[in-house]
Amino acid sequence: MPVLKECEVCGREAHSLFRRKIEGVLMEVCNDCKDVGEEPNYERSSRKPTRNASKFRDIYSSKKSKPTQKAYKPPSRPSTYKKRENISNLKIVDNYIKLLVQCRNKEGLSAKEFANSLFIKENYYHRIEKGTTQLNIKLARRIEKKYKITLVETEDFQEEEEDNKMQYAPKSQDSSDSMVYFRKRGKKPEYDQ
């Protein structure tokens, strides 16, 4: 017994169904409903060959073909990436608590409003203002940008670099003829004399 298929539009059973594209959807319809849609287009879509396919074609083709065009590469946009600041030589000013309170009072904001304007929790801001939590560089930069005050300064390492220079140890009886050197770190080394 032949299998009857159901029309997807009207629901009738038919021996043969036709494929039609109705509102962008491919459906199987009966002979009565085939006028509703349009004939589907079975042409192959033109796909761009991948790089590997073109290499494969070039290697294994017996005929010499024209040089293939390079794939389209969109123009590069200028980078919006900001170079990160080296935070190792930055430090928070000593009187940052006083500056924060002055800035908040100058703006006429409560602690809660000031914290909300910086997108931090009120409790965290209170701890910073009391001095129990140290203000970090990132938040200090955000406050500087928004309220035009200076909270971060660069630390000078010139004095420390001079102290950390290599110094030569005095020649002792135990040492060999080679030069012995050490790095000065706050304490002077003790020598047997």
C-alpha atoms as a PDB file:
ATOM      1  CA  MET A   1       0.000   0.000   0.000  1.00  0.00           C
ATOM      2  CA  PRO A   2       1.486   3.375  -0.976  1.00  0.00           C
ATOM      3  CA  VAL A   3       2.387   5.739   1.819  1.00  0.00           C
ATOM      4  CA  LEU A   4       0.271   8.866   1.982  1.00  0.00           C
ATOM      5  CA  LYS A   5       1.985  12.075   3.030  1.00  0.00           C
ATOM      6  CA  GLU A   6       0.273  15.024   4.670  1.00  0.00           C
ATOM      7  CA  CYS A   7       0.254  18.506   3.110  1.00  0.00           C
ATOM      8  CA  GLU A   8       1.903  21.018   5.465  1.00  0.00           C
ATOM      9  CA  VAL A   9      -0.520  23.802   4.449  1.00  0.00           C
ATOM     10  CA  CYS A  10      -4.008  22.272   4.312  1.00  0.00           C
ATOM     11  CA  GLY A  11      -3.405  18.931   6.073  1.00  0.00           C
ATOM     12  CA  ARG A  12      -4.788  16.708   3.262  1.00  0.00           C
ATOM     13  CA  GLU A  13      -3.155  13.384   2.545  1.00  0.00           C
ATOM     14  CA  ALA A  14      -1.654  12.924  -0.928  1.00  0.00           C
ATOM     15  CA  HIS A  15       0.530  10.406  -2.748  1.00  0.00           C
ATOM     16  CA  SER A  16       2.924  13.027  -4.057  1.00  0.00           C
ATOM     17  CA  LEU A  17       3.843  16.372  -2.560  1.00  0.00           C
ATOM     18  CA  PHE A  18       5.563  19.360  -4.128  1.00  0.00           C
ATOM     19  CA  ARG A  19       8.243  21.452  -2.488  1.00  0.00           C
ATOM     20  CA  ARG A  20       7.388  25.155  -2.396  1.00  0.00           C
ATOM     21  CA  LYS A  21       8.936  28.115  -0.677  1.00  0.00           C
ATOM     22  CA  ILE A  22       6.209  29.932   1.273  1.00  0.00           C
ATOM     23  CA  GLU A  23       7.266  33.139   3.042  1.00  0.00           C
ATOM     24  CA  GLY A  24      10.883  32.001   3.083  1.00  0.00           C
ATOM     25  CA  VAL A  25      10.150  28.516   4.474  1.00  0.00           C
ATOM     26  CA  LEU A  26      10.554  25.347   2.403  1.00  0.00           C
ATOM     27  CA  MET A  27       7.361  23.253   2.738  1.00  0.00           C
ATOM     28  CA  GLU A  28       5.894  20.109   1.174  1.00  0.00           C
ATOM     29  CA  VAL A  29       2.432  20.876  -0.207  1.00  0.00           C
ATOM     30  CA  CYS A  30      -0.281  19.037  -2.146  1.00  0.00           C
ATOM     31  CA  ASN A  31      -1.290  19.677  -5.776  1.00  0.00           C
ATOM     32  CA  ASP A  32      -4.067  22.106  -4.725  1.00  0.00           C
ATOM     33  CA  CYS A  33      -1.762  24.211  -2.527  1.00  0.00           C
ATOM     34  CA  LYS A  34       1.250  24.320  -4.842  1.00  0.00           C
ATOM     35  CA  ASP A  35       0.120  27.664  -6.325  1.00  0.00           C
ATOM     36  CA  VAL A  36       0.427  29.344  -2.889  1.00  0.00           C
ATOM     37  CA  GLY A  37       4.219  29.435  -2.773  1.00  0.00           C
ATOM     38  CA  GLU A  38       6.974  29.820  -5.290  1.00  0.00           C
ATOM     39  CA  GLU A  39       9.356  27.314  -6.809  1.00  0.00           C
ATOM     40  CA  PRO A  40      12.431  26.984  -4.573  1.00  0.00           C
ATOM     41  CA  ASN A  41      15.722  28.091  -6.085  1.00  0.00           C
ATOM     42  CA  TYR A  42      18.158  25.178  -5.967  1.00  0.00           C
ATOM     43  CA  GLU A  43      21.170  27.053  -7.319  1.00  0.00           C
ATOM     44  CA  ARG A  44      24.317  26.706  -5.282  1.00  0.00           C
ATOM     45  CA  SER A  45      25.137  29.732  -3.233  1.00  0.00           C
ATOM     46  CA  SER A  46      28.366  31.356  -4.269  1.00  0.00           C
ATOM     47  CA  ARG A  47      30.721  30.773  -1.386  1.00  0.00           C
ATOM     48  CA  LYS A  48      34.131  32.287  -1.120  1.00  0.00           C
ATOM     49  CA  PRO A  49      36.767  29.594  -1.247  1.00  0.00           C
ATOM     50  CA  THR A  50      38.813  29.317   1.881  1.00  0.00           C
ATOM     51  CA  ARG A  51      42.548  29.838   1.838  1.00  0.00           C
ATOM     52  CA  ASN A  52      43.228  26.133   2.202  1.00  0.00           C
ATOM     53  CA  ALA A  53      40.923  25.299  -0.698  1.00  0.00           C
ATOM     54  CA  SER A  54      42.728  27.727  -2.977  1.00  0.00           C
ATOM     55  CA  LYS A  55      46.117  26.298  -1.955  1.00  0.00           C
ATOM     56  CA  PHE A  56      44.812  22.800  -2.592  1.00  0.00           C
ATOM     57  CA  ARG A  57      43.525  23.880  -5.987  1.00  0.00           C
ATOM     58  CA  ASP A  58      46.852  25.512  -6.878  1.00  0.00           C
ATOM     59  CA  ILE A  59      48.940  22.541  -5.817  1.00  0.00           C
ATOM     60  CA  TYR A  60      46.923  19.819  -7.490  1.00  0.00           C
ATOM     61  CA  SER A  61      45.664  21.555 -10.596  1.00  0.00           C
ATOM     62  CA  SER A  62      47.422  20.539 -13.790  1.00  0.00           C
ATOM     63  CA  LYS A  63      46.643  23.801 -15.556  1.00  0.00           C
ATOM     64  CA  LYS A  64      48.295  27.005 -14.524  1.00  0.00           C
ATOM     65  CA  SER A  65      45.583  29.322 -13.364  1.00  0.00           C
ATOM     66  CA  LYS A  66      45.526  33.027 -12.741  1.00  0.00           C
ATOM     67  CA  PRO A  67      46.889  34.173  -9.423  1.00  0.00           C
ATOM     68  CA  THR A  68      44.153  34.125  -6.832  1.00  0.00           C
ATOM     69  CA  GLN A  69      43.027  37.321  -5.212  1.00  0.00           C
ATOM     70  CA  LYS A  70      43.783  37.816  -1.569  1.00  0.00           C
ATOM     71  CA  ALA A  71      40.870  37.635   0.829  1.00  0.00           C
ATOM     72  CA  TYR A  72      39.292  40.943   1.766  1.00  0.00           C
ATOM     73  CA  LYS A  73      40.764  42.335   4.933  1.00  0.00           C
ATOM     74  CA  PRO A  74      38.832  45.181   6.554  1.00  0.00           C
ATOM     75  CA  PRO A  75      40.899  48.271   7.292  1.00  0.00           C
ATOM     76  CA  SER A  76      42.229  48.343  10.802  1.00  0.00           C
ATOM     77  CA  ARG A  77      40.709  50.868  13.150  1.00  0.00           C
ATOM     78  CA  PRO A  78      42.879  53.071  15.266  1.00  0.00           C
ATOM     79  CA  SER A  79      43.441  51.443  18.603  1.00  0.00           C
ATOM     80  CA  THR A  80      41.368  52.759  21.471  1.00  0.00           C
ATOM     81  CA  TYR A  81      43.536  50.823  23.912  1.00  0.00           C
ATOM     82  CA  LYS A  82      45.216  53.109  26.383  1.00  0.00           C
ATOM     83  CA  LYS A  83      48.632  52.159  27.582  1.00  0.00           C
ATOM     84  CA  ARG A  84      48.516  51.196  31.201  1.00  0.00           C
ATOM     85  CA  GLU A  85      50.330  53.418  33.569  1.00  0.00           C
ATOM     86  CA  ASN A  86      53.183  51.886  35.494  1.00  0.00           C
ATOM     87  CA  ILE A  87      51.735  51.923  38.994  1.00  0.00           C
ATOM     88  CA  SER A  88      54.915  50.741  40.680  1.00  0.00           C
ATOM     89  CA  ASN A  89      56.219  54.314  40.893  1.00  0.00           C
ATOM     90  CA  LEU A  90      52.889  55.880  41.923  1.00  0.00           C
ATOM     91  CA  LYS A  91      51.739  56.488  45.461  1.00  0.00           C
ATOM     92  CA  ILE A  92      48.725  58.018  47.158  1.00  0.00           C
ATOM     93  CA  VAL A  93      49.344  61.391  48.807  1.00  0.00           C
ATOM     94  CA  ASP A  94      49.596  61.322  52.591  1.00  0.00           C
ATOM     95  CA  ASN A  95      46.652  63.659  53.240  1.00  0.00           C
ATOM     96  CA  TYR A  96      44.187  61.887  50.918  1.00  0.00           C
ATOM     97  CA  ILE A  97      41.549  61.536  53.667  1.00  0.00           C
ATOM     98  CA  LYS A  98      41.481  65.281  54.276  1.00  0.00           C
ATOM     99  CA  LEU A  99      41.310  65.932  50.503  1.00  0.00           C
ATOM    100  CA  LEU A 100      38.396  63.499  50.072  1.00  0.00           C
ATOM    101  CA  VAL A 101      36.397  65.088  52.891  1.00  0.00           C
ATOM    102  CA  GLN A 102      37.080  68.606  51.551  1.00  0.00           C
ATOM    103  CA  CYS A 103      36.056  67.576  48.029  1.00  0.00           C
ATOM    104  CA  ARG A 104      32.868  65.909  49.280  1.00  0.00           C
ATOM    105  CA  ASN A 105      31.911  68.948  51.366  1.00  0.00           C
ATOM    106  CA  LYS A 106      32.740  71.322  48.505  1.00  0.00           C
ATOM    107  CA  GLU A 107      30.368  69.392  46.221  1.00  0.00           C
ATOM    108  CA  GLY A 108      27.735  69.365  48.980  1.00  0.00           C
ATOM    109  CA  LEU A 109      27.319  65.588  48.898  1.00  0.00           C
ATOM    110  CA  SER A 110      26.694  63.128  51.689  1.00  0.00           C
ATOM    111  CA  ALA A 111      29.022  60.148  52.045  1.00  0.00           C
ATOM    112  CA  LYS A 112      26.386  57.915  50.447  1.00  0.00           C
ATOM    113  CA  GLU A 113      25.930  60.231  47.438  1.00  0.00           C
ATOM    114  CA  PHE A 114      29.695  60.608  47.018  1.00  0.00           C
ATOM    115  CA  ALA A 115      30.175  56.823  47.123  1.00  0.00           C
ATOM    116  CA  ASN A 116      27.346  56.298  44.610  1.00  0.00           C
ATOM    117  CA  SER A 117      28.882  58.855  42.255  1.00  0.00           C
ATOM    118  CA  LEU A 118      32.096  56.789  42.284  1.00  0.00           C
ATOM    119  CA  PHE A 119      30.208  53.473  41.891  1.00  0.00           C
ATOM    120  CA  ILE A 120      31.504  52.086  45.181  1.00  0.00           C
ATOM    121  CA  LYS A 121      29.669  50.918  48.292  1.00  0.00           C
ATOM    122  CA  GLU A 122      29.016  53.422  51.034  1.00  0.00           C
ATOM    123  CA  ASN A 123      30.607  51.153  53.640  1.00  0.00           C
ATOM    124  CA  TYR A 124      33.820  50.944  51.594  1.00  0.00           C
ATOM    125  CA  TYR A 125      33.934  54.737  51.268  1.00  0.00           C
ATOM    126  CA  HIS A 126      33.447  55.141  55.047  1.00  0.00           C
ATOM    127  CA  ARG A 127      36.391  52.795  55.691  1.00  0.00           C
ATOM    128  CA  ILE A 128      38.551  54.832  53.288  1.00  0.00           C
ATOM    129  CA  GLU A 129      37.496  58.069  54.964  1.00  0.00           C
ATOM    130  CA  LYS A 130      38.232  56.677  58.447  1.00  0.00           C
ATOM    131  CA  GLY A 131      41.615  55.374  57.292  1.00  0.00           C
ATOM    132  CA  THR A 132      40.976  51.693  58.038  1.00  0.00           C
ATOM    133  CA  THR A 133      41.183  50.851  54.319  1.00  0.00           C
ATOM    134  CA  GLN A 134      43.904  52.197  52.048  1.00  0.00           C
ATOM    135  CA  LEU A 135      42.722  54.016  48.923  1.00  0.00           C
ATOM    136  CA  ASN A 136      43.888  52.139  45.829  1.00  0.00           C
ATOM    137  CA  ILE A 137      45.441  53.769  42.747  1.00  0.00           C
ATOM    138  CA  LYS A 138      42.581  52.843  40.411  1.00  0.00           C
ATOM    139  CA  LEU A 139      39.905  54.445  42.587  1.00  0.00           C
ATOM    140  CA  ALA A 140      42.137  57.443  43.264  1.00  0.00           C
ATOM    141  CA  ARG A 141      42.510  58.003  39.504  1.00  0.00           C
ATOM    142  CA  ARG A 142      38.721  57.785  39.109  1.00  0.00           C
ATOM    143  CA  ILE A 143      38.213  60.389  41.851  1.00  0.00           C
ATOM    144  CA  GLU A 144      40.884  62.622  40.302  1.00  0.00           C
ATOM    145  CA  LYS A 145      39.209  62.471  36.915  1.00  0.00           C
ATOM    146  CA  LYS A 146      35.717  63.151  38.224  1.00  0.00           C
ATOM    147  CA  TYR A 147      36.408  65.812  40.855  1.00  0.00           C
ATOM    148  CA  LYS A 148      39.626  67.394  39.508  1.00  0.00           C
ATOM    149  CA  ILE A 149      41.741  66.886  42.635  1.00  0.00           C
ATOM    150  CA  THR A 150      45.226  65.375  42.959  1.00  0.00           C
ATOM    151  CA  LEU A 151      45.445  62.178  44.993  1.00  0.00           C
ATOM    152  CA  VAL A 152      48.245  60.302  43.202  1.00  0.00           C
ATOM    153  CA  GLU A 153      51.854  61.378  42.878  1.00  0.00           C
ATOM    154  CA  THR A 154      54.916  59.782  41.343  1.00  0.00           C
ATOM    155  CA  GLU A 155      57.472  58.500  43.766  1.00  0.00           C
ATOM    156  CA  ASP A 156      61.119  59.438  43.234  1.00  0.00           C
ATOM    157  CA  PHE A 157      63.425  56.444  43.278  1.00  0.00           C
ATOM    158  CA  GLN A 158      66.672  58.320  42.627  1.00  0.00           C
ATOM    159  CA  GLU A 159      67.742  58.324  46.268  1.00  0.00           C
ATOM    160  CA  GLU A 160      66.964  54.632  46.679  1.00  0.00           C
ATOM    161  CA  GLU A 161      68.732  53.742  43.431  1.00  0.00           C
ATOM    162  CA  GLU A 162      71.910  55.404  44.666  1.00  0.00           C
ATOM    163  CA  ASP A 163      71.698  53.409  47.891  1.00  0.00           C
ATOM    164  CA  ASN A 164      71.115  50.149  46.008  1.00  0.00           C
ATOM    165  CA  LYS A 165      74.172  50.485  43.783  1.00  0.00           C
ATOM    166  CA  MET A 166      76.759  47.768  44.069  1.00  0.00           C
ATOM    167  CA  GLN A 167      79.343  48.412  46.722  1.00  0.00           C
ATOM    168  CA  TYR A 168      82.505  46.465  47.123  1.00  0.00           C
ATOM    169  CA  ALA A 169      83.315  44.742  50.381  1.00  0.00           C
ATOM    170  CA  PRO A 170      86.712  45.399  51.909  1.00  0.00           C
ATOM    171  CA  LYS A 171      89.247  42.667  51.333  1.00  0.00           C
ATOM    172  CA  SER A 172      89.568  40.397  54.332  1.00  0.00           C
ATOM    173  CA  GLN A 173      91.896  37.544  55.193  1.00  0.00           C
ATOM    174  CA  ASP A 174      89.254  34.905  54.427  1.00  0.00           C
ATOM    175  CA  SER A 175      88.375  36.240  50.982  1.00  0.00           C
ATOM    176  CA  SER A 176      90.238  35.244  47.867  1.00  0.00           C
ATOM    177  CA  ASP A 177      91.809  37.644  45.400  1.00  0.00           C
ATOM    178  CA  SER A 178      88.542  37.998  43.491  1.00  0.00           C
ATOM    179  CA  MET A 179      86.394  41.003  44.245  1.00  0.00           C
ATOM    180  CA  VAL A 180      83.496  40.348  46.559  1.00  0.00           C
ATOM    181  CA  TYR A 181      80.518  42.607  46.217  1.00  0.00           C
ATOM    182  CA  PHE A 182      77.149  42.896  47.872  1.00  0.00           C
ATOM    183  CA  ARG A 183      74.023  44.901  47.469  1.00  0.00           C
ATOM    184  CA  LYS A 184      73.261  47.385  50.195  1.00  0.00           C
ATOM    185  CA  ARG A 185      69.817  46.808  51.719  1.00  0.00           C
ATOM    186  CA  GLY A 186      69.375  48.990  54.747  1.00  0.00           C
ATOM    187  CA  LYS A 187      71.915  47.166  56.926  1.00  0.00           C
ATOM    188  CA  LYS A 188      75.632  47.120  56.433  1.00  0.00           C
ATOM    189  CA  PRO A 189      77.190  43.660  56.388  1.00  0.00           C
ATOM    190  CA  GLU A 190      79.301  42.752  59.367  1.00  0.00           C
ATOM    191  CA  TYR A 191      82.855  41.589  58.811  1.00  0.00           C
ATOM    192  CA  ASP A 192      85.203  39.678  61.035  1.00  0.00           C
ATOM    193  CA  GLN A 193      88.146  41.887  61.868  1.00  0.00           C
END
